[in-house]
Amino acid sequence: MEKFDADAVGAEIRAAFEAYEAALGANDVEALASAFWEDPQVVRLGPDGGLYGHDRISAFRKGRETGDLTREISEVRIIAFGPDWGIATCEYRRTGSGRRGAQSQVWMRRPEGWRIVSAHVSLGAPPPGPED
């Protein structure tokens, strides 16, 4: 197994993860697009299916609904598996609707910096209302 400083690499991934979260909350479409590996092989699997390739992920970001973006994240876990890759996982609750979800991201160090090379996002049903 390759020797590396897992704490240092994990801190770098956490910084990239936190920058992504800030961009998500601000709907900074350019920062969100640049967080993903600019390659046709990058993938984002979400509640509405898969987005394959950087162009599709970027188009999704530009056209998505922006009314319920603010979220509280919890259970953040960052694991470095090597000097140039690791995963970030978390659970979240959208503050507007109360919907809960989870995400996982595979981060890889690229010449241009840390990039998401694969992501999976789940989003649960809205919480029951007073009439439910």
N, C-alpha and C. Protein backbone atom coordinates (compact mmCIF):
# COMPACT_ATOMS: atom_id res chain seq x y z
N MET A 1 0.84 -1.19 0.00
CA MET A 1 0.00 0.00 0.00
C MET A 1 0.88 1.24 0.00
N GLU A 2 0.48 2.20 -0.78
CA GLU A 2 1.24 3.44 -0.92
C GLU A 2 1.16 4.26 0.37
N LYS A 3 2.28 4.80 0.80
CA LYS A 3 2.34 5.64 2.00
C LYS A 3 1.94 7.07 1.61
N PHE A 4 1.08 7.66 2.41
CA PHE A 4 0.68 9.05 2.20
C PHE A 4 0.12 9.58 3.51
N ASP A 5 0.00 10.88 3.61
CA ASP A 5 -0.52 11.53 4.80
C ASP A 5 -2.05 11.65 4.65
N ALA A 6 -2.77 10.66 5.17
CA ALA A 6 -4.22 10.62 5.01
C ALA A 6 -4.90 11.84 5.62
N ASP A 7 -4.40 12.34 6.73
CA ASP A 7 -5.01 13.52 7.35
C ASP A 7 -4.86 14.75 6.45
N ALA A 8 -3.68 14.94 5.87
CA ALA A 8 -3.45 16.10 5.00
C ALA A 8 -4.30 16.00 3.73
N VAL A 9 -4.34 14.82 3.13
CA VAL A 9 -5.14 14.64 1.92
C VAL A 9 -6.62 14.82 2.25
N GLY A 10 -7.06 14.26 3.38
CA GLY A 10 -8.44 14.43 3.81
C GLY A 10 -8.80 15.89 4.02
N ALA A 11 -7.88 16.67 4.56
CA ALA A 11 -8.13 18.10 4.76
C ALA A 11 -8.27 18.82 3.41
N GLU A 12 -7.49 18.42 2.44
CA GLU A 12 -7.61 19.02 1.10
C GLU A 12 -8.96 18.68 0.48
N ILE A 13 -9.37 17.43 0.61
CA ILE A 13 -10.67 17.02 0.07
C ILE A 13 -11.79 17.75 0.80
N ARG A 14 -11.68 17.87 2.13
CA ARG A 14 -12.70 18.60 2.89
C ARG A 14 -12.82 20.04 2.41
N ALA A 15 -11.70 20.70 2.15
CA ALA A 15 -11.74 22.08 1.66
C ALA A 15 -12.46 22.16 0.32
N ALA A 16 -12.19 21.21 -0.57
CA ALA A 16 -12.86 21.19 -1.87
C ALA A 16 -14.36 20.91 -1.69
N PHE A 17 -14.69 19.98 -0.80
CA PHE A 17 -16.08 19.65 -0.49
C PHE A 17 -16.81 20.87 0.05
N GLU A 18 -16.19 21.59 0.99
CA GLU A 18 -16.83 22.77 1.58
C GLU A 18 -17.00 23.88 0.56
N ALA A 19 -16.04 24.04 -0.35
CA ALA A 19 -16.18 25.04 -1.41
C ALA A 19 -17.35 24.67 -2.33
N TYR A 20 -17.50 23.39 -2.61
CA TYR A 20 -18.61 22.92 -3.42
C TYR A 20 -19.94 23.20 -2.72
N GLU A 21 -20.02 22.92 -1.43
CA GLU A 21 -21.24 23.17 -0.67
C GLU A 21 -21.60 24.66 -0.68
N ALA A 22 -20.61 25.53 -0.53
CA ALA A 22 -20.85 26.97 -0.57
C ALA A 22 -21.38 27.38 -1.95
N ALA A 23 -20.79 26.83 -2.99
CA ALA A 23 -21.24 27.14 -4.36
C ALA A 23 -22.66 26.63 -4.58
N LEU A 24 -22.98 25.48 -4.01
CA LEU A 24 -24.32 24.91 -4.15
C LEU A 24 -25.36 25.83 -3.51
N GLY A 25 -25.08 26.29 -2.29
CA GLY A 25 -26.00 27.17 -1.59
C GLY A 25 -26.18 28.52 -2.27
N ALA A 26 -25.13 28.99 -2.93
CA ALA A 26 -25.18 30.28 -3.63
C ALA A 26 -25.64 30.14 -5.08
N ASN A 27 -25.86 28.91 -5.53
CA ASN A 27 -26.16 28.61 -6.93
C ASN A 27 -25.12 29.23 -7.86
N ASP A 28 -23.86 29.11 -7.48
CA ASP A 28 -22.74 29.58 -8.30
C ASP A 28 -22.48 28.53 -9.37
N VAL A 29 -23.18 28.67 -10.49
CA VAL A 29 -23.17 27.67 -11.55
C VAL A 29 -21.76 27.42 -12.08
N GLU A 30 -20.97 28.46 -12.22
CA GLU A 30 -19.61 28.30 -12.73
C GLU A 30 -18.74 27.50 -11.77
N ALA A 31 -18.83 27.81 -10.48
CA ALA A 31 -18.04 27.07 -9.49
C ALA A 31 -18.50 25.62 -9.39
N LEU A 32 -19.81 25.40 -9.49
CA LEU A 32 -20.32 24.03 -9.46
C LEU A 32 -19.82 23.23 -10.65
N ALA A 33 -19.84 23.84 -11.83
CA ALA A 33 -19.35 23.14 -13.03
C ALA A 33 -17.86 22.85 -12.91
N SER A 34 -17.10 23.80 -12.39
CA SER A 34 -15.65 23.60 -12.31
C SER A 34 -15.26 22.59 -11.24
N ALA A 35 -16.17 22.27 -10.31
CA ALA A 35 -15.88 21.27 -9.29
C ALA A 35 -15.84 19.86 -9.88
N PHE A 36 -16.49 19.68 -11.02
CA PHE A 36 -16.52 18.36 -11.67
C PHE A 36 -15.41 18.25 -12.70
N TRP A 37 -14.86 17.06 -12.81
CA TRP A 37 -13.85 16.72 -13.80
C TRP A 37 -14.40 17.05 -15.18
N GLU A 38 -13.68 17.83 -15.94
CA GLU A 38 -14.14 18.21 -17.27
C GLU A 38 -13.77 17.11 -18.27
N ASP A 39 -14.63 16.08 -18.28
CA ASP A 39 -14.36 14.90 -19.09
C ASP A 39 -15.69 14.20 -19.40
N PRO A 40 -15.80 13.55 -20.56
CA PRO A 40 -17.03 12.83 -20.88
C PRO A 40 -17.31 11.65 -19.96
N GLN A 41 -16.32 11.19 -19.21
CA GLN A 41 -16.50 10.03 -18.33
C GLN A 41 -17.05 10.39 -16.95
N VAL A 42 -17.07 11.67 -16.58
CA VAL A 42 -17.59 12.05 -15.28
C VAL A 42 -19.08 11.71 -15.21
N VAL A 43 -19.55 11.34 -14.02
CA VAL A 43 -20.95 10.95 -13.87
C VAL A 43 -21.54 11.54 -12.59
N ARG A 44 -22.81 11.94 -12.69
CA ARG A 44 -23.58 12.38 -11.53
C ARG A 44 -24.91 11.64 -11.59
N LEU A 45 -25.13 10.78 -10.61
CA LEU A 45 -26.38 10.04 -10.51
C LEU A 45 -27.26 10.75 -9.49
N GLY A 46 -28.49 11.05 -9.89
CA GLY A 46 -29.37 11.79 -9.00
C GLY A 46 -30.78 11.24 -9.00
N PRO A 47 -31.67 11.90 -8.30
CA PRO A 47 -33.05 11.44 -8.17
C PRO A 47 -33.77 11.28 -9.52
N ASP A 48 -33.36 12.06 -10.51
CA ASP A 48 -34.00 12.00 -11.82
C ASP A 48 -33.20 11.22 -12.84
N GLY A 49 -32.20 10.45 -12.39
CA GLY A 49 -31.41 9.64 -13.31
C GLY A 49 -29.98 10.12 -13.40
N GLY A 50 -29.27 9.58 -14.37
CA GLY A 50 -27.85 9.86 -14.51
C GLY A 50 -27.55 10.98 -15.48
N LEU A 51 -26.50 11.71 -15.17
CA LEU A 51 -25.94 12.71 -16.07
C LEU A 51 -24.54 12.24 -16.39
N TYR A 52 -24.27 12.00 -17.66
CA TYR A 52 -23.01 11.42 -18.08
C TYR A 52 -22.25 12.43 -18.92
N GLY A 53 -21.10 12.84 -18.42
CA GLY A 53 -20.27 13.81 -19.10
C GLY A 53 -20.43 15.20 -18.52
N HIS A 54 -19.34 15.95 -18.58
CA HIS A 54 -19.31 17.29 -18.00
C HIS A 54 -20.34 18.22 -18.63
N ASP A 55 -20.55 18.11 -19.94
CA ASP A 55 -21.50 19.00 -20.61
C ASP A 55 -22.91 18.81 -20.06
N ARG A 56 -23.32 17.58 -19.83
CA ARG A 56 -24.67 17.33 -19.30
C ARG A 56 -24.81 17.81 -17.86
N ILE A 57 -23.77 17.61 -17.08
CA ILE A 57 -23.81 18.08 -15.69
C ILE A 57 -23.91 19.60 -15.66
N SER A 58 -23.13 20.27 -16.49
CA SER A 58 -23.17 21.74 -16.55
C SER A 58 -24.53 22.24 -17.02
N ALA A 59 -25.11 21.58 -18.02
CA ALA A 59 -26.43 21.98 -18.52
C ALA A 59 -27.49 21.81 -17.43
N PHE A 60 -27.39 20.74 -16.66
CA PHE A 60 -28.32 20.52 -15.55
C PHE A 60 -28.23 21.66 -14.55
N ARG A 61 -27.03 22.05 -14.19
CA ARG A 61 -26.84 23.12 -13.21
C ARG A 61 -27.45 24.43 -13.71
N LYS A 62 -27.29 24.72 -14.99
CA LYS A 62 -27.81 25.98 -15.54
C LYS A 62 -29.32 26.00 -15.61
N GLY A 63 -29.96 24.83 -15.72
CA GLY A 63 -31.40 24.79 -15.91
C GLY A 63 -32.21 24.30 -14.72
N ARG A 64 -31.57 24.02 -13.61
CA ARG A 64 -32.31 23.43 -12.50
C ARG A 64 -33.13 24.46 -11.73
N GLU A 65 -34.14 23.96 -11.03
CA GLU A 65 -34.98 24.77 -10.14
C GLU A 65 -34.12 25.26 -8.98
N THR A 66 -34.27 26.53 -8.63
CA THR A 66 -33.41 27.11 -7.59
C THR A 66 -34.19 27.55 -6.35
N GLY A 67 -35.43 27.11 -6.21
CA GLY A 67 -36.25 27.58 -5.10
C GLY A 67 -35.98 26.93 -3.75
N ASP A 68 -35.32 25.79 -3.73
CA ASP A 68 -35.13 25.06 -2.46
C ASP A 68 -33.69 24.57 -2.37
N LEU A 69 -32.74 25.50 -2.46
CA LEU A 69 -31.32 25.12 -2.50
C LEU A 69 -30.65 25.05 -1.14
N THR A 70 -31.09 25.89 -0.21
CA THR A 70 -30.41 25.96 1.08
C THR A 70 -30.60 24.65 1.83
N ARG A 71 -29.50 24.16 2.39
CA ARG A 71 -29.58 22.90 3.10
C ARG A 71 -28.62 22.86 4.27
N GLU A 72 -28.96 22.05 5.24
CA GLU A 72 -28.10 21.79 6.39
C GLU A 72 -27.49 20.42 6.18
N ILE A 73 -26.18 20.35 6.27
CA ILE A 73 -25.53 19.05 6.08
C ILE A 73 -25.13 18.46 7.42
N SER A 74 -25.09 17.15 7.47
CA SER A 74 -24.69 16.44 8.69
C SER A 74 -23.97 15.15 8.29
N GLU A 75 -23.40 14.51 9.27
CA GLU A 75 -22.74 13.23 9.07
C GLU A 75 -21.72 13.26 7.93
N VAL A 76 -20.96 14.35 7.86
CA VAL A 76 -19.93 14.46 6.82
C VAL A 76 -18.80 13.49 7.14
N ARG A 77 -18.44 12.72 6.15
CA ARG A 77 -17.32 11.79 6.27
C ARG A 77 -16.40 12.00 5.08
N ILE A 78 -15.14 12.19 5.35
CA ILE A 78 -14.12 12.34 4.31
C ILE A 78 -13.10 11.22 4.53
N ILE A 79 -12.85 10.44 3.51
CA ILE A 79 -11.87 9.36 3.62
C ILE A 79 -10.91 9.45 2.44
N ALA A 80 -9.64 9.60 2.74
CA ALA A 80 -8.60 9.60 1.71
C ALA A 80 -8.10 8.17 1.54
N PHE A 81 -8.13 7.69 0.32
CA PHE A 81 -7.67 6.33 0.03
C PHE A 81 -6.29 6.30 -0.61
N GLY A 82 -5.80 7.45 -0.99
CA GLY A 82 -4.48 7.56 -1.60
C GLY A 82 -4.11 9.03 -1.66
N PRO A 83 -2.93 9.35 -2.14
CA PRO A 83 -2.52 10.75 -2.17
C PRO A 83 -3.32 11.60 -3.15
N ASP A 84 -4.03 10.95 -4.06
CA ASP A 84 -4.73 11.69 -5.11
C ASP A 84 -6.21 11.36 -5.24
N TRP A 85 -6.77 10.64 -4.27
CA TRP A 85 -8.21 10.38 -4.36
C TRP A 85 -8.81 10.00 -3.02
N GLY A 86 -10.10 10.26 -2.92
CA GLY A 86 -10.83 9.94 -1.71
C GLY A 86 -12.31 10.17 -1.93
N ILE A 87 -13.10 9.94 -0.88
CA ILE A 87 -14.54 10.14 -0.99
C ILE A 87 -15.02 11.11 0.09
N ALA A 88 -16.12 11.77 -0.24
CA ALA A 88 -16.82 12.63 0.71
C ALA A 88 -18.28 12.19 0.70
N THR A 89 -18.83 11.95 1.87
CA THR A 89 -20.24 11.60 1.98
C THR A 89 -20.89 12.49 3.03
N CYS A 90 -22.18 12.70 2.87
CA CYS A 90 -22.93 13.46 3.87
C CYS A 90 -24.41 13.17 3.73
N GLU A 91 -25.13 13.54 4.76
CA GLU A 91 -26.59 13.59 4.72
C GLU A 91 -26.96 15.07 4.76
N TYR A 92 -28.15 15.39 4.28
CA TYR A 92 -28.58 16.78 4.30
C TYR A 92 -30.09 16.88 4.46
N ARG A 93 -30.52 18.07 4.86
CA ARG A 93 -31.94 18.41 4.94
C ARG A 93 -32.12 19.76 4.29
N ARG A 94 -32.98 19.82 3.29
CA ARG A 94 -33.27 21.10 2.65
C ARG A 94 -34.09 21.93 3.62
N THR A 95 -33.62 23.14 3.89
CA THR A 95 -34.26 23.94 4.93
C THR A 95 -35.63 24.45 4.52
N GLY A 96 -35.87 24.67 3.24
CA GLY A 96 -37.17 25.15 2.80
C GLY A 96 -38.25 24.10 2.88
N SER A 97 -38.01 22.96 2.27
CA SER A 97 -39.02 21.90 2.18
C SER A 97 -38.92 20.85 3.27
N GLY A 98 -37.77 20.77 3.94
CA GLY A 98 -37.56 19.74 4.94
C GLY A 98 -37.19 18.38 4.36
N ARG A 99 -37.09 18.30 3.04
CA ARG A 99 -36.73 17.02 2.42
C ARG A 99 -35.31 16.62 2.82
N ARG A 100 -35.13 15.33 3.04
CA ARG A 100 -33.84 14.79 3.45
C ARG A 100 -33.21 14.03 2.30
N GLY A 101 -31.89 14.01 2.30
CA GLY A 101 -31.17 13.28 1.26
C GLY A 101 -29.77 12.92 1.71
N ALA A 102 -29.03 12.35 0.78
CA ALA A 102 -27.65 11.97 1.04
C ALA A 102 -26.87 12.10 -0.26
N GLN A 103 -25.57 12.25 -0.13
CA GLN A 103 -24.73 12.31 -1.33
C GLN A 103 -23.40 11.66 -1.06
N SER A 104 -22.81 11.16 -2.11
CA SER A 104 -21.44 10.67 -2.05
C SER A 104 -20.71 11.20 -3.28
N GLN A 105 -19.46 11.56 -3.08
CA GLN A 105 -18.64 12.12 -4.15
C GLN A 105 -17.28 11.44 -4.11
N VAL A 106 -16.80 11.05 -5.28
CA VAL A 106 -15.42 10.57 -5.41
C VAL A 106 -14.62 11.75 -5.93
N TRP A 107 -13.62 12.16 -5.16
CA TRP A 107 -12.76 13.28 -5.52
C TRP A 107 -11.40 12.75 -5.98
N MET A 108 -10.87 13.35 -7.04
CA MET A 108 -9.55 12.97 -7.53
C MET A 108 -8.73 14.24 -7.77
N ARG A 109 -7.47 14.16 -7.37
CA ARG A 109 -6.57 15.29 -7.62
C ARG A 109 -6.19 15.26 -9.11
N ARG A 110 -6.45 16.34 -9.77
CA ARG A 110 -6.14 16.51 -11.19
C ARG A 110 -5.09 17.62 -11.29
N PRO A 111 -4.47 17.80 -12.45
CA PRO A 111 -3.51 18.90 -12.58
C PRO A 111 -4.12 20.27 -12.25
N GLU A 112 -5.43 20.42 -12.51
CA GLU A 112 -6.11 21.69 -12.24
C GLU A 112 -6.65 21.79 -10.82
N GLY A 113 -6.48 20.74 -10.01
CA GLY A 113 -6.94 20.74 -8.63
C GLY A 113 -7.87 19.56 -8.35
N TRP A 114 -8.48 19.56 -7.18
CA TRP A 114 -9.39 18.48 -6.81
C TRP A 114 -10.69 18.60 -7.60
N ARG A 115 -11.14 17.48 -8.17
CA ARG A 115 -12.37 17.46 -8.96
C ARG A 115 -13.21 16.24 -8.59
N ILE A 116 -14.52 16.40 -8.69
CA ILE A 116 -15.44 15.28 -8.50
C ILE A 116 -15.44 14.48 -9.79
N VAL A 117 -15.18 13.18 -9.68
CA VAL A 117 -15.18 12.32 -10.87
C VAL A 117 -16.42 11.43 -10.91
N SER A 118 -17.09 11.30 -9.78
CA SER A 118 -18.33 10.54 -9.71
C SER A 118 -19.11 11.03 -8.50
N ALA A 119 -20.41 11.21 -8.69
CA ALA A 119 -21.26 11.68 -7.59
C ALA A 119 -22.59 10.94 -7.62
N HIS A 120 -23.15 10.73 -6.46
CA HIS A 120 -24.48 10.15 -6.32
C HIS A 120 -25.24 10.98 -5.30
N VAL A 121 -26.44 11.41 -5.69
CA VAL A 121 -27.28 12.24 -4.82
C VAL A 121 -28.65 11.58 -4.72
N SER A 122 -29.13 11.42 -3.50
CA SER A 122 -30.50 10.93 -3.30
C SER A 122 -31.29 12.01 -2.59
N LEU A 123 -32.59 12.01 -2.81
CA LEU A 123 -33.47 12.99 -2.19
C LEU A 123 -34.78 12.30 -1.87
N GLY A 124 -35.15 12.32 -0.60
CA GLY A 124 -36.37 11.66 -0.16
C GLY A 124 -37.62 12.47 -0.49
N ALA A 125 -38.74 11.85 -0.25
CA ALA A 125 -40.03 12.51 -0.46
C ALA A 125 -40.20 13.64 0.55
N PRO A 126 -41.05 14.61 0.21
CA PRO A 126 -41.31 15.68 1.19
C PRO A 126 -41.89 15.10 2.47
N PRO A 127 -41.59 15.74 3.61
CA PRO A 127 -42.17 15.25 4.87
C PRO A 127 -43.69 15.38 4.84
N PRO A 128 -44.37 14.56 5.61
CA PRO A 128 -45.83 14.64 5.63
C PRO A 128 -46.32 16.01 6.09
N GLY A 129 -47.38 16.46 5.48
CA GLY A 129 -47.98 17.73 5.86
C GLY A 129 -49.01 17.53 6.95
N PRO A 130 -49.66 18.61 7.41
CA PRO A 130 -50.63 18.51 8.50
C PRO A 130 -51.84 17.64 8.15
N GLU A 131 -52.19 17.56 6.85
CA GLU A 131 -53.34 16.74 6.47
C GLU A 131 -52.99 15.28 6.28
N ASP A 132 -51.71 14.91 6.36
CA ASP A 132 -51.31 13.51 6.16
C ASP A 132 -51.47 12.69 7.42
